[in-house]
Amino acid sequence: MNKFLSRIIIAAAVSTLLIFISCTEENITNPPQQETPDYFPHTEGTYYKFEITQSDSSGIIDTGFRTVSYSGDTTIDRTPYRVQIDSTETNQQMTVTES
């Protein structure tokens, strides 16, 4: 029984020693800082123009352009938002939406 108890004590001591050795400051590594690219900038004056083709349920095809631009900003419930203006111009009509 003494051999069994001494083996358990030795195993516990070795395990504890390994835990303390492996958890040193030298083993801590931080990921490198990377700059996040701005794939969709939405600053003042930025705009995007898309050529669109749409059809209705009767099969009539309408073509035109959709323009998205940014104009100013607003705060709602202490949360800042950029004002986005969408305009769609097709052969049939022109629509402007501010959100």
Foldseek 3Di string as FASTA:
>chain_A
DVVVVVVVVVVVVVVVVVVVVVPDPVPDDDDDDDDDDDPDDADAPDKDKDWDWDADPVGDIKTWMKMKHWHAWDADPNRIDIKIWIWTDIPVDIDIDID
